[in-house]
Amino acid sequence: LLAPFGACEDVSLLVQTSGEPFRLRQFSMRFEQTTDIRETPKATADQRMASLIDGFADRPSNGPEAALAPWLSGFRDELSVSLRYVEHNGYDHPIAVLMVASAAQPQPVSVFNSLYASASFPP
């Protein structure tokens, strides 16, 4: 529902750092359910990586660099997915929680209170 609003382009946001400040010209956001924000178990990640590499084991390895490592793109994507939400990785952690209630609700404040009370926030 919110995915079309995840890409922000042609913006000028000043980011203050300990060094030189810089401007963000574009950024993107990903919206996910709180139930989907869980670390991938190591055994599952290892199994996915092994099956990905095994799929390329019988292919010839001659040619340019992309042909020498045709599995690299898939490996990079799978590594990114397997490292998502791990405790030591601050790159892909949730930074905001959106709680949405319908304006048609007779008492929206009580709806928000119940959402907050029942929410299973990510660890």
PDB file of N, CA and C in Angstrom:
ATOM      1  N   LEU A   1       0.820  -1.198   0.000  1.00  0.00           N
ATOM      2  CA  LEU A   1       0.000   0.000   0.000  1.00  0.00           C
ATOM      3  C   LEU A   1       0.867   1.266   0.000  1.00  0.00           C
ATOM      4  N   LEU A   2       1.942   1.260   0.765  1.00  0.00           N
ATOM      5  CA  LEU A   2       2.803   2.437   0.850  1.00  0.00           C
ATOM      6  C   LEU A   2       4.003   2.390  -0.086  1.00  0.00           C
ATOM      7  N   ALA A   3       4.217   1.282  -0.751  1.00  0.00           N
ATOM      8  CA  ALA A   3       5.404   1.111  -1.602  1.00  0.00           C
ATOM      9  C   ALA A   3       5.596   2.221  -2.639  1.00  0.00           C
ATOM     10  N   PRO A   4       4.536   2.743  -3.271  1.00  0.00           N
ATOM     11  CA  PRO A   4       4.774   3.827  -4.241  1.00  0.00           C
ATOM     12  C   PRO A   4       5.400   5.082  -3.630  1.00  0.00           C
ATOM     13  N   PHE A   5       5.334   5.231  -2.316  1.00  0.00           N
ATOM     14  CA  PHE A   5       5.884   6.409  -1.665  1.00  0.00           C
ATOM     15  C   PHE A   5       7.297   6.164  -1.140  1.00  0.00           C
ATOM     16  N   GLY A   6       7.894   5.033  -1.487  1.00  0.00           N
ATOM     17  CA  GLY A   6       9.194   4.655  -0.958  1.00  0.00           C
ATOM     18  C   GLY A   6      10.382   5.290  -1.627  1.00  0.00           C
ATOM     19  N   ALA A   7      10.210   5.855  -2.807  1.00  0.00           N
ATOM     20  CA  ALA A   7      11.333   6.467  -3.513  1.00  0.00           C
ATOM     21  C   ALA A   7      11.191   7.976  -3.482  1.00  0.00           C
ATOM     22  N   CYS A   8      12.225   8.651  -3.029  1.00  0.00           N
ATOM     23  CA  CYS A   8      12.239  10.113  -2.968  1.00  0.00           C
ATOM     24  C   CYS A   8      13.371  10.597  -3.863  1.00  0.00           C
ATOM     25  N   GLU A   9      13.005  11.297  -4.904  1.00  0.00           N
ATOM     26  CA  GLU A   9      14.002  11.814  -5.841  1.00  0.00           C
ATOM     27  C   GLU A   9      13.879  13.331  -5.908  1.00  0.00           C
ATOM     28  N   ASP A  10      14.887  13.969  -6.413  1.00  0.00           N
ATOM     29  CA  ASP A  10      14.925  15.424  -6.538  1.00  0.00           C
ATOM     30  C   ASP A  10      14.667  16.110  -5.207  1.00  0.00           C
ATOM     31  N   VAL A  11      15.335  15.633  -4.161  1.00  0.00           N
ATOM     32  CA  VAL A  11      15.254  16.259  -2.847  1.00  0.00           C
ATOM     33  C   VAL A  11      16.626  16.836  -2.519  1.00  0.00           C
ATOM     34  N   SER A  12      16.671  17.679  -1.541  1.00  0.00           N
ATOM     35  CA  SER A  12      17.940  18.244  -1.109  1.00  0.00           C
ATOM     36  C   SER A  12      17.950  18.218   0.409  1.00  0.00           C
ATOM     37  N   LEU A  13      18.416  17.106   0.957  1.00  0.00           N
ATOM     38  CA  LEU A  13      18.455  16.931   2.402  1.00  0.00           C
ATOM     39  C   LEU A  13      19.892  17.046   2.885  1.00  0.00           C
ATOM     40  N   LEU A  14      20.124  17.951   3.809  1.00  0.00           N
ATOM     41  CA  LEU A  14      21.457  18.127   4.361  1.00  0.00           C
ATOM     42  C   LEU A  14      21.676  17.110   5.467  1.00  0.00           C
ATOM     43  N   VAL A  15      22.741  16.332   5.348  1.00  0.00           N
ATOM     44  CA  VAL A  15      23.075  15.315   6.337  1.00  0.00           C
ATOM     45  C   VAL A  15      24.311  15.780   7.090  1.00  0.00           C
ATOM     46  N   GLN A  16      24.153  15.935   8.406  1.00  0.00           N
ATOM     47  CA  GLN A  16      25.272  16.357   9.243  1.00  0.00           C
ATOM     48  C   GLN A  16      26.015  15.115   9.724  1.00  0.00           C
ATOM     49  N   THR A  17      27.310  15.111   9.588  1.00  0.00           N
ATOM     50  CA  THR A  17      28.138  14.010  10.056  1.00  0.00           C
ATOM     51  C   THR A  17      29.246  14.580  10.929  1.00  0.00           C
ATOM     52  N   SER A  18      30.096  13.714  11.450  1.00  0.00           N
ATOM     53  CA  SER A  18      31.227  14.201  12.238  1.00  0.00           C
ATOM     54  C   SER A  18      32.265  14.867  11.337  1.00  0.00           C
ATOM     55  N   GLY A  19      32.216  14.567  10.059  1.00  0.00           N
ATOM     56  CA  GLY A  19      33.129  15.185   9.104  1.00  0.00           C
ATOM     57  C   GLY A  19      32.408  16.256   8.305  1.00  0.00           C
ATOM     58  N   GLU A  20      32.571  16.206   7.021  1.00  0.00           N
ATOM     59  CA  GLU A  20      31.926  17.155   6.129  1.00  0.00           C
ATOM     60  C   GLU A  20      30.443  16.825   5.967  1.00  0.00           C
ATOM     61  N   PRO A  21      29.547  17.818   6.056  1.00  0.00           N
ATOM     62  CA  PRO A  21      28.135  17.555   5.760  1.00  0.00           C
ATOM     63  C   PRO A  21      27.970  17.307   4.255  1.00  0.00           C
ATOM     64  N   PHE A  22      26.963  16.571   3.892  1.00  0.00           N
ATOM     65  CA  PHE A  22      26.704  16.332   2.476  1.00  0.00           C
ATOM     66  C   PHE A  22      25.204  16.363   2.227  1.00  0.00           C
ATOM     67  N   ARG A  23      24.816  16.474   0.957  1.00  0.00           N
ATOM     68  CA  ARG A  23      23.406  16.534   0.588  1.00  0.00           C
ATOM     69  C   ARG A  23      22.978  15.236  -0.075  1.00  0.00           C
ATOM     70  N   LEU A  24      21.843  14.745   0.368  1.00  0.00           N
ATOM     71  CA  LEU A  24      21.219  13.603  -0.290  1.00  0.00           C
ATOM     72  C   LEU A  24      20.332  14.129  -1.395  1.00  0.00           C
ATOM     73  N   ARG A  25      20.495  13.633  -2.578  1.00  0.00           N
ATOM     74  CA  ARG A  25      19.652  14.046  -3.707  1.00  0.00           C
ATOM     75  C   ARG A  25      18.497  13.067  -3.931  1.00  0.00           C
ATOM     76  N   GLN A  26      18.694  11.839  -3.479  1.00  0.00           N
ATOM     77  CA  GLN A  26      17.638  10.833  -3.579  1.00  0.00           C
ATOM     78  C   GLN A  26      17.871   9.755  -2.529  1.00  0.00           C
ATOM     79  N   PHE A  27      16.800   9.102  -2.102  1.00  0.00           N
ATOM     80  CA  PHE A  27      16.903   7.975  -1.188  1.00  0.00           C
ATOM     81  C   PHE A  27      15.635   7.147  -1.329  1.00  0.00           C
ATOM     82  N   SER A  28      15.689   5.934  -0.820  1.00  0.00           N
ATOM     83  CA  SER A  28      14.512   5.071  -0.907  1.00  0.00           C
ATOM     84  C   SER A  28      14.256   4.421   0.440  1.00  0.00           C
ATOM     85  N   MET A  29      13.008   4.025   0.627  1.00  0.00           N
ATOM     86  CA  MET A  29      12.580   3.368   1.859  1.00  0.00           C
ATOM     87  C   MET A  29      11.890   2.066   1.490  1.00  0.00           C
ATOM     88  N   ARG A  30      11.936   1.127   2.396  1.00  0.00           N
ATOM     89  CA  ARG A  30      11.236  -0.138   2.199  1.00  0.00           C
ATOM     90  C   ARG A  30      10.257  -0.290   3.356  1.00  0.00           C
ATOM     91  N   PHE A  31       9.025  -0.636   3.038  1.00  0.00           N
ATOM     92  CA  PHE A  31       8.001  -0.821   4.052  1.00  0.00           C
ATOM     93  C   PHE A  31       7.776  -2.315   4.239  1.00  0.00           C
ATOM     94  N   GLU A  32       7.833  -2.764   5.491  1.00  0.00           N
ATOM     95  CA  GLU A  32       7.640  -4.184   5.773  1.00  0.00           C
ATOM     96  C   GLU A  32       6.763  -4.369   7.000  1.00  0.00           C
ATOM     97  N   GLN A  33       6.110  -5.524   7.067  1.00  0.00           N
ATOM     98  CA  GLN A  33       5.326  -5.883   8.239  1.00  0.00           C
ATOM     99  C   GLN A  33       6.287  -6.189   9.382  1.00  0.00           C
ATOM    100  N   THR A  34       5.885  -5.898  10.610  1.00  0.00           N
ATOM    101  CA  THR A  34       6.767  -6.189  11.743  1.00  0.00           C
ATOM    102  C   THR A  34       7.019  -7.684  11.889  1.00  0.00           C
ATOM    103  N   THR A  35       6.080  -8.503  11.426  1.00  0.00           N
ATOM    104  CA  THR A  35       6.269  -9.951  11.533  1.00  0.00           C
ATOM    105  C   THR A  35       7.334 -10.460  10.563  1.00  0.00           C
ATOM    106  N   ASP A  36       7.655  -9.671   9.520  1.00  0.00           N
ATOM    107  CA  ASP A  36       8.671 -10.078   8.543  1.00  0.00           C
ATOM    108  C   ASP A  36      10.084  -9.658   8.949  1.00  0.00           C
ATOM    109  N   ILE A  37      10.214  -8.871   9.986  1.00  0.00           N
ATOM    110  CA  ILE A  37      11.519  -8.355  10.384  1.00  0.00           C
ATOM    111  C   ILE A  37      12.152  -9.319  11.380  1.00  0.00           C
ATOM    112  N   ARG A  38      12.742 -10.349  10.850  1.00  0.00           N
ATOM    113  CA  ARG A  38      13.403 -11.374  11.663  1.00  0.00           C
ATOM    114  C   ARG A  38      14.713 -11.761  10.999  1.00  0.00           C
ATOM    115  N   GLU A  39      15.687 -12.049  11.824  1.00  0.00           N
ATOM    116  CA  GLU A  39      16.997 -12.474  11.321  1.00  0.00           C
ATOM    117  C   GLU A  39      16.890 -13.850  10.675  1.00  0.00           C
ATOM    118  N   THR A  40      17.552 -14.027   9.542  1.00  0.00           N
ATOM    119  CA  THR A  40      17.593 -15.329   8.879  1.00  0.00           C
ATOM    120  C   THR A  40      18.516 -16.249   9.669  1.00  0.00           C
ATOM    121  N   PRO A  41      18.053 -17.446  10.043  1.00  0.00           N
ATOM    122  CA  PRO A  41      18.933 -18.376  10.769  1.00  0.00           C
ATOM    123  C   PRO A  41      20.169 -18.718   9.930  1.00  0.00           C
ATOM    124  N   LYS A  42      21.305 -18.886  10.587  1.00  0.00           N
ATOM    125  CA  LYS A  42      22.568 -19.154   9.890  1.00  0.00           C
ATOM    126  C   LYS A  42      22.490 -20.403   9.022  1.00  0.00           C
ATOM    127  N   ALA A  43      21.854 -21.445   9.512  1.00  0.00           N
ATOM    128  CA  ALA A  43      21.750 -22.686   8.735  1.00  0.00           C
ATOM    129  C   ALA A  43      20.961 -22.462   7.450  1.00  0.00           C
ATOM    130  N   THR A  44      19.901 -21.688   7.526  1.00  0.00           N
ATOM    131  CA  THR A  44      19.099 -21.391   6.335  1.00  0.00           C
ATOM    132  C   THR A  44      19.906 -20.561   5.345  1.00  0.00           C
ATOM    133  N   ALA A  45      20.625 -19.555   5.826  1.00  0.00           N
ATOM    134  CA  ALA A  45      21.442 -18.726   4.940  1.00  0.00           C
ATOM    135  C   ALA A  45      22.532 -19.555   4.273  1.00  0.00           C
ATOM    136  N   ASP A  46      23.189 -20.428   5.037  1.00  0.00           N
ATOM    137  CA  ASP A  46      24.227 -21.293   4.467  1.00  0.00           C
ATOM    138  C   ASP A  46      23.652 -22.215   3.401  1.00  0.00           C
ATOM    139  N   GLN A  47      22.476 -22.753   3.653  1.00  0.00           N
ATOM    140  CA  GLN A  47      21.840 -23.665   2.692  1.00  0.00           C
ATOM    141  C   GLN A  47      21.492 -22.928   1.400  1.00  0.00           C
ATOM    142  N   ARG A  48      20.965 -21.714   1.512  1.00  0.00           N
ATOM    143  CA  ARG A  48      20.631 -20.936   0.313  1.00  0.00           C
ATOM    144  C   ARG A  48      21.876 -20.618  -0.494  1.00  0.00           C
ATOM    145  N   MET A  49      22.961 -20.224   0.190  1.00  0.00           N
ATOM    146  CA  MET A  49      24.212 -19.907  -0.506  1.00  0.00           C
ATOM    147  C   MET A  49      24.776 -21.132  -1.210  1.00  0.00           C
ATOM    148  N   ALA A  50      24.764 -22.270  -0.536  1.00  0.00           N
ATOM    149  CA  ALA A  50      25.299 -23.491  -1.123  1.00  0.00           C
ATOM    150  C   ALA A  50      24.504 -23.905  -2.350  1.00  0.00           C
ATOM    151  N   SER A  51      23.183 -23.806  -2.277  1.00  0.00           N
ATOM    152  CA  SER A  51      22.368 -24.200  -3.437  1.00  0.00           C
ATOM    153  C   SER A  51      22.557 -23.222  -4.581  1.00  0.00           C
ATOM    154  N   LEU A  52      22.773 -21.963  -4.280  1.00  0.00           N
ATOM    155  CA  LEU A  52      23.032 -20.980  -5.331  1.00  0.00           C
ATOM    156  C   LEU A  52      24.337 -21.287  -6.048  1.00  0.00           C
ATOM    157  N   ILE A  53      25.391 -21.537  -5.303  1.00  0.00           N
ATOM    158  CA  ILE A  53      26.705 -21.836  -5.895  1.00  0.00           C
ATOM    159  C   ILE A  53      26.672 -23.167  -6.635  1.00  0.00           C
ATOM    160  N   ASP A  54      25.997 -24.165  -6.069  1.00  0.00           N
ATOM    161  CA  ASP A  54      25.903 -25.477  -6.727  1.00  0.00           C
ATOM    162  C   ASP A  54      25.214 -25.384  -8.078  1.00  0.00           C
ATOM    163  N   GLY A  55      24.305 -24.449  -8.229  1.00  0.00           N
ATOM    164  CA  GLY A  55      23.618 -24.263  -9.502  1.00  0.00           C
ATOM    165  C   GLY A  55      24.541 -23.830 -10.623  1.00  0.00           C
ATOM    166  N   PHE A  56      25.689 -23.257 -10.285  1.00  0.00           N
ATOM    167  CA  PHE A  56      26.642 -22.777 -11.278  1.00  0.00           C
ATOM    168  C   PHE A  56      27.884 -23.662 -11.372  1.00  0.00           C
ATOM    169  N   ALA A  57      27.933 -24.757 -10.635  1.00  0.00           N
ATOM    170  CA  ALA A  57      29.142 -25.578 -10.551  1.00  0.00           C
ATOM    171  C   ALA A  57      29.534 -26.214 -11.884  1.00  0.00           C
ATOM    172  N   ASP A  58      28.592 -26.589 -12.727  1.00  0.00           N
ATOM    173  CA  ASP A  58      28.901 -27.306 -13.958  1.00  0.00           C
ATOM    174  C   ASP A  58      29.097 -26.401 -15.165  1.00  0.00           C
ATOM    175  N   ARG A  59      29.004 -25.111 -14.995  1.00  0.00           N
ATOM    176  CA  ARG A  59      29.133 -24.201 -16.125  1.00  0.00           C
ATOM    177  C   ARG A  59      30.607 -23.937 -16.421  1.00  0.00           C
ATOM    178  N   PRO A  60      30.976 -23.755 -17.686  1.00  0.00           N
ATOM    179  CA  PRO A  60      32.372 -23.455 -18.026  1.00  0.00           C
ATOM    180  C   PRO A  60      32.765 -22.080 -17.502  1.00  0.00           C
ATOM    181  N   SER A  61      34.049 -21.922 -17.197  1.00  0.00           N
ATOM    182  CA  SER A  61      34.515 -20.658 -16.617  1.00  0.00           C
ATOM    183  C   SER A  61      35.558 -19.984 -17.487  1.00  0.00           C
ATOM    184  N   ASN A  62      35.260 -19.809 -18.765  1.00  0.00           N
ATOM    185  CA  ASN A  62      36.188 -19.078 -19.618  1.00  0.00           C
ATOM    186  C   ASN A  62      35.476 -17.852 -20.186  1.00  0.00           C
ATOM    187  N   GLY A  63      36.215 -16.785 -20.403  1.00  0.00           N
ATOM    188  CA  GLY A  63      35.596 -15.569 -20.917  1.00  0.00           C
ATOM    189  C   GLY A  63      35.877 -14.386 -20.015  1.00  0.00           C
ATOM    190  N   PRO A  64      35.117 -13.296 -20.229  1.00  0.00           N
ATOM    191  CA  PRO A  64      35.336 -12.100 -19.406  1.00  0.00           C
ATOM    192  C   PRO A  64      34.976 -12.339 -17.940  1.00  0.00           C
ATOM    193  N   GLU A  65      35.227 -11.331 -17.137  1.00  0.00           N
ATOM    194  CA  GLU A  65      35.061 -11.472 -15.689  1.00  0.00           C
ATOM    195  C   GLU A  65      33.644 -11.878 -15.302  1.00  0.00           C
ATOM    196  N   ALA A  66      32.620 -11.316 -15.945  1.00  0.00           N
ATOM    197  CA  ALA A  66      31.232 -11.676 -15.637  1.00  0.00           C
ATOM    198  C   ALA A  66      30.980 -13.142 -15.933  1.00  0.00           C
ATOM    199  N   ALA A  67      31.637 -13.656 -16.952  1.00  0.00           N
ATOM    200  CA  ALA A  67      31.472 -15.070 -17.279  1.00  0.00           C
ATOM    201  C   ALA A  67      32.266 -15.943 -16.303  1.00  0.00           C
ATOM    202  N   LEU A  68      33.325 -15.404 -15.741  1.00  0.00           N
ATOM    203  CA  LEU A  68      34.114 -16.171 -14.778  1.00  0.00           C
ATOM    204  C   LEU A  68      33.369 -16.348 -13.456  1.00  0.00           C
ATOM    205  N   ALA A  69      32.520 -15.416 -13.118  1.00  0.00           N
ATOM    206  CA  ALA A  69      31.764 -15.496 -11.858  1.00  0.00           C
ATOM    207  C   ALA A  69      30.299 -15.141 -12.113  1.00  0.00           C
ATOM    208  N   PRO A  70      29.585 -15.973 -12.882  1.00  0.00           N
ATOM    209  CA  PRO A  70      28.185 -15.643 -13.189  1.00  0.00           C
ATOM    210  C   PRO A  70      27.295 -15.703 -11.947  1.00  0.00           C
ATOM    211  N   TRP A  71      27.780 -16.340 -10.925  1.00  0.00           N
ATOM    212  CA  TRP A  71      27.029 -16.482  -9.681  1.00  0.00           C
ATOM    213  C   TRP A  71      27.162 -15.280  -8.768  1.00  0.00           C
ATOM    214  N   LEU A  72      28.085 -14.354  -9.072  1.00  0.00           N
ATOM    215  CA  LEU A  72      28.404 -13.265  -8.168  1.00  0.00           C
ATOM    216  C   LEU A  72      27.204 -12.357  -7.882  1.00  0.00           C
ATOM    217  N   SER A  73      26.439 -12.017  -8.897  1.00  0.00           N
ATOM    218  CA  SER A  73      25.280 -11.151  -8.698  1.00  0.00           C
ATOM    219  C   SER A  73      24.256 -11.809  -7.771  1.00  0.00           C
ATOM    220  N   GLY A  74      23.955 -13.073  -8.019  1.00  0.00           N
ATOM    221  CA  GLY A  74      23.023 -13.805  -7.158  1.00  0.00           C
ATOM    222  C   GLY A  74      23.570 -13.955  -5.746  1.00  0.00           C
ATOM    223  N   PHE A  75      24.871 -14.189  -5.637  1.00  0.00           N
ATOM    224  CA  PHE A  75      25.514 -14.326  -4.331  1.00  0.00           C
ATOM    225  C   PHE A  75      25.409 -13.030  -3.535  1.00  0.00           C
ATOM    226  N   ARG A  76      25.657 -11.920  -4.219  1.00  0.00           N
ATOM    227  CA  ARG A  76      25.574 -10.610  -3.566  1.00  0.00           C
ATOM    228  C   ARG A  76      24.152 -10.338  -3.066  1.00  0.00           C
ATOM    229  N   ASP A  77      23.148 -10.654  -3.891  1.00  0.00           N
ATOM    230  CA  ASP A  77      21.755 -10.456  -3.486  1.00  0.00           C
ATOM    231  C   ASP A  77      21.391 -11.341  -2.304  1.00  0.00           C
ATOM    232  N   GLU A  78      21.803 -12.595  -2.364  1.00  0.00           N
ATOM    233  CA  GLU A  78      21.490 -13.535  -1.278  1.00  0.00           C
ATOM    234  C   GLU A  78      22.222 -13.149   0.008  1.00  0.00           C
ATOM    235  N   LEU A  79      23.436 -12.663  -0.114  1.00  0.00           N
ATOM    236  CA  LEU A  79      24.180 -12.208   1.056  1.00  0.00           C
ATOM    237  C   LEU A  79      23.478 -11.018   1.707  1.00  0.00           C
ATOM    238  N   SER A  80      23.001 -10.106   0.880  1.00  0.00           N
ATOM    239  CA  SER A  80      22.270  -8.950   1.394  1.00  0.00           C
ATOM    240  C   SER A  80      21.016  -9.375   2.146  1.00  0.00           C
ATOM    241  N   VAL A  81      20.285 -10.343   1.602  1.00  0.00           N
ATOM    242  CA  VAL A  81      19.068 -10.839   2.256  1.00  0.00           C
ATOM    243  C   VAL A  81      19.415 -11.564   3.548  1.00  0.00           C
ATOM    244  N   SER A  82      20.473 -12.362   3.528  1.00  0.00           N
ATOM    245  CA  SER A  82      20.809 -13.140   4.725  1.00  0.00           C
ATOM    246  C   SER A  82      21.370 -12.272   5.853  1.00  0.00           C
ATOM    247  N   LEU A  83      21.945 -11.124   5.516  1.00  0.00           N
ATOM    248  CA  LEU A  83      22.470 -10.226   6.544  1.00  0.00           C
ATOM    249  C   LEU A  83      21.436  -9.209   7.032  1.00  0.00           C
ATOM    250  N   ARG A  84      20.278  -9.209   6.401  1.00  0.00           N
ATOM    251  CA  ARG A  84      19.240  -8.266   6.802  1.00  0.00           C
ATOM    252  C   ARG A  84      18.780  -8.564   8.224  1.00  0.00           C
ATOM    253  N   TYR A  85      18.708  -7.543   9.028  1.00  0.00           N
ATOM    254  CA  TYR A  85      18.206  -7.595  10.403  1.00  0.00           C
ATOM    255  C   TYR A  85      19.108  -8.333  11.380  1.00  0.00           C
ATOM    256  N   VAL A  86      20.338  -8.653  11.033  1.00  0.00           N
ATOM    257  CA  VAL A  86      21.221  -9.271  12.018  1.00  0.00           C
ATOM    258  C   VAL A  86      21.620  -8.216  13.039  1.00  0.00           C
ATOM    259  N   GLU A  87      21.928  -8.664  14.234  1.00  0.00           N
ATOM    260  CA  GLU A  87      22.163  -7.746  15.348  1.00  0.00           C
ATOM    261  C   GLU A  87      23.339  -6.809  15.108  1.00  0.00           C
ATOM    262  N   HIS A  88      24.401  -7.290  14.460  1.00  0.00           N
ATOM    263  CA  HIS A  88      25.601  -6.478  14.286  1.00  0.00           C
ATOM    264  C   HIS A  88      25.552  -5.567  13.071  1.00  0.00           C
ATOM    265  N   ASN A  89      24.477  -5.617  12.294  1.00  0.00           N
ATOM    266  CA  ASN A  89      24.381  -4.845  11.063  1.00  0.00           C
ATOM    267  C   ASN A  89      23.412  -3.686  11.257  1.00  0.00           C
ATOM    268  N   GLY A  90      23.885  -2.474  11.211  1.00  0.00           N
ATOM    269  CA  GLY A  90      23.017  -1.317  11.360  1.00  0.00           C
ATOM    270  C   GLY A  90      22.510  -0.786  10.043  1.00  0.00           C
ATOM    271  N   TYR A  91      22.861  -1.418   8.948  1.00  0.00           N
ATOM    272  CA  TYR A  91      22.511  -0.943   7.611  1.00  0.00           C
ATOM    273  C   TYR A  91      21.025  -1.103   7.300  1.00  0.00           C
ATOM    274  N   ASP A  92      20.439  -2.193   7.712  1.00  0.00           N
ATOM    275  CA  ASP A  92      19.084  -2.499   7.278  1.00  0.00           C
ATOM    276  C   ASP A  92      18.126  -2.675   8.458  1.00  0.00           C
ATOM    277  N   HIS A  93      18.337  -1.913   9.499  1.00  0.00           N
ATOM    278  CA  HIS A  93      17.452  -2.006  10.660  1.00  0.00           C
ATOM    279  C   HIS A  93      16.314  -1.013  10.510  1.00  0.00           C
ATOM    280  N   PRO A  94      15.171  -1.334  11.088  1.00  0.00           N
ATOM    281  CA  PRO A  94      14.051  -0.385  11.034  1.00  0.00           C
ATOM    282  C   PRO A  94      14.389   0.890  11.806  1.00  0.00           C
ATOM    283  N   ILE A  95      14.014   2.018  11.232  1.00  0.00           N
ATOM    284  CA  ILE A  95      14.269   3.277  11.915  1.00  0.00           C
ATOM    285  C   ILE A  95      12.971   4.000  12.254  1.00  0.00           C
ATOM    286  N   ALA A  96      11.863   3.492  11.771  1.00  0.00           N
ATOM    287  CA  ALA A  96      10.573   4.124  12.062  1.00  0.00           C
ATOM    288  C   ALA A  96       9.485   3.061  12.040  1.00  0.00           C
ATOM    289  N   VAL A  97       8.431   3.336  12.770  1.00  0.00           N
ATOM    290  CA  VAL A  97       7.264   2.454  12.783  1.00  0.00           C
ATOM    291  C   VAL A  97       6.063   3.311  12.417  1.00  0.00           C
ATOM    292  N   LEU A  98       5.308   2.883  11.406  1.00  0.00           N
ATOM    293  CA  LEU A  98       4.093   3.582  11.026  1.00  0.00           C
ATOM    294  C   LEU A  98       2.897   2.803  11.551  1.00  0.00           C
ATOM    295  N   MET A  99       2.075   3.463  12.300  1.00  0.00           N
ATOM    296  CA  MET A  99       0.826   2.857  12.746  1.00  0.00           C
ATOM    297  C   MET A  99      -0.286   3.635  12.072  1.00  0.00           C
ATOM    298  N   VAL A 100      -1.129   2.917  11.355  1.00  0.00           N
ATOM    299  CA  VAL A 100      -2.151   3.562  10.541  1.00  0.00           C
ATOM    300  C   VAL A 100      -3.521   3.086  10.983  1.00  0.00           C
ATOM    301  N   ALA A 101      -4.418   4.037  11.182  1.00  0.00           N
ATOM    302  CA  ALA A 101      -5.806   3.716  11.511  1.00  0.00           C
ATOM    303  C   ALA A 101      -6.706   4.459  10.527  1.00  0.00           C
ATOM    304  N   SER A 102      -7.837   3.903  10.249  1.00  0.00           N
ATOM    305  CA  SER A 102      -8.777   4.504   9.317  1.00  0.00           C
ATOM    306  C   SER A 102      -9.446   5.722   9.942  1.00  0.00           C
ATOM    307  N   ALA A 103      -9.642   6.756   9.138  1.00  0.00           N
ATOM    308  CA  ALA A 103     -10.342   7.946   9.621  1.00  0.00           C
ATOM    309  C   ALA A 103     -11.817   7.661   9.854  1.00  0.00           C
ATOM    310  N   ALA A 104     -12.301   6.550   9.335  1.00  0.00           N
ATOM    311  CA  ALA A 104     -13.704   6.183   9.516  1.00  0.00           C
ATOM    312  C   ALA A 104     -13.969   5.570  10.892  1.00  0.00           C
ATOM    313  N   GLN A 105     -12.909   5.280  11.638  1.00  0.00           N
ATOM    314  CA  GLN A 105     -13.076   4.718  12.979  1.00  0.00           C
ATOM    315  C   GLN A 105     -13.721   5.761  13.891  1.00  0.00           C
ATOM    316  N   PRO A 106     -14.688   5.363  14.708  1.00  0.00           N
ATOM    317  CA  PRO A 106     -15.336   6.338  15.583  1.00  0.00           C
ATOM    318  C   PRO A 106     -14.399   6.887  16.666  1.00  0.00           C
ATOM    319  N   GLN A 107     -13.446   6.086  17.139  1.00  0.00           N
ATOM    320  CA  GLN A 107     -12.495   6.537  18.155  1.00  0.00           C
ATOM    321  C   GLN A 107     -11.080   6.157  17.728  1.00  0.00           C
ATOM    322  N   PRO A 108     -10.466   6.980  16.858  1.00  0.00           N
ATOM    323  CA  PRO A 108      -9.140   6.620  16.341  1.00  0.00           C
ATOM    324  C   PRO A 108      -8.058   6.543  17.423  1.00  0.00           C
ATOM    325  N   VAL A 109      -8.168   7.308  18.494  1.00  0.00           N
ATOM    326  CA  VAL A 109      -7.153   7.272  19.549  1.00  0.00           C
ATOM    327  C   VAL A 109      -7.134   5.897  20.216  1.00  0.00           C
ATOM    328  N   SER A 110      -8.291   5.326  20.463  1.00  0.00           N
ATOM    329  CA  SER A 110      -8.331   3.993  21.072  1.00  0.00           C
ATOM    330  C   SER A 110      -7.793   2.939  20.109  1.00  0.00           C
ATOM    331  N   VAL A 111      -7.989   3.155  18.804  1.00  0.00           N
ATOM    332  CA  VAL A 111      -7.427   2.228  17.808  1.00  0.00           C
ATOM    333  C   VAL A 111      -5.900   2.280  17.861  1.00  0.00           C
ATOM    334  N   PHE A 112      -5.328   3.486  17.937  1.00  0.00           N
ATOM    335  CA  PHE A 112      -3.872   3.617  18.039  1.00  0.00           C
ATOM    336  C   PHE A 112      -3.349   2.997  19.328  1.00  0.00           C
ATOM    337  N   ASN A 113      -4.052   3.214  20.417  1.00  0.00           N
ATOM    338  CA  ASN A 113      -3.632   2.614  21.686  1.00  0.00           C
ATOM    339  C   ASN A 113      -3.630   1.092  21.603  1.00  0.00           C
ATOM    340  N   SER A 114      -4.642   0.515  20.972  1.00  0.00           N
ATOM    341  CA  SER A 114      -4.685  -0.946  20.845  1.00  0.00           C
ATOM    342  C   SER A 114      -3.606  -1.451  19.885  1.00  0.00           C
ATOM    343  N   LEU A 115      -3.326  -0.686  18.827  1.00  0.00           N
ATOM    344  CA  LEU A 115      -2.240  -1.063  17.911  1.00  0.00           C
ATOM    345  C   LEU A 115      -0.904  -1.060  18.640  1.00  0.00           C
ATOM    346  N   TYR A 116      -0.673  -0.038  19.435  1.00  0.00           N
ATOM    347  CA  TYR A 116       0.592   0.070  20.153  1.00  0.00           C
ATOM    348  C   TYR A 116       0.724  -1.033  21.207  1.00  0.00           C
ATOM    349  N   ALA A 117      -0.357  -1.346  21.864  1.00  0.00           N
ATOM    350  CA  ALA A 117      -0.319  -2.367  22.906  1.00  0.00           C
ATOM    351  C   ALA A 117      -0.112  -3.776  22.342  1.00  0.00           C
ATOM    352  N   SER A 118      -0.653  -4.040  21.156  1.00  0.00           N
ATOM    353  CA  SER A 118      -0.587  -5.379  20.593  1.00  0.00           C
ATOM    354  C   SER A 118       0.556  -5.549  19.595  1.00  0.00           C
ATOM    355  N   ALA A 119       1.271  -4.489  19.275  1.00  0.00           N
ATOM    356  CA  ALA A 119       2.321  -4.563  18.257  1.00  0.00           C
ATOM    357  C   ALA A 119       3.480  -5.426  18.712  1.00  0.00           C
ATOM    358  N   SER A 120       3.924  -6.259  17.814  1.00  0.00           N
ATOM    359  CA  SER A 120       5.118  -7.049  18.097  1.00  0.00           C
ATOM    360  C   SER A 120       6.281  -6.374  17.376  1.00  0.00           C
ATOM    361  N   PHE A 121       6.872  -5.413  18.058  1.00  0.00           N
ATOM    362  CA  PHE A 121       7.944  -4.656  17.462  1.00  0.00           C
ATOM    363  C   PHE A 121       9.169  -5.541  17.244  1.00  0.00           C
ATOM    364  N   PRO A 122       9.929  -5.260  16.196  1.00  0.00           N
ATOM    365  CA  PRO A 122      11.130  -6.066  15.947  1.00  0.00           C
ATOM    366  C   PRO A 122      12.124  -5.920  17.097  1.00  0.00           C
ATOM    367  N   PRO A 123      12.938  -6.942  17.275  1.00  0.00           N
ATOM    368  CA  PRO A 123      13.920  -6.895  18.374  1.00  0.00           C
ATOM    369  C   PRO A 123      14.973  -5.819  18.158  1.00  0.00           C
TER     370      PRO A 123
END
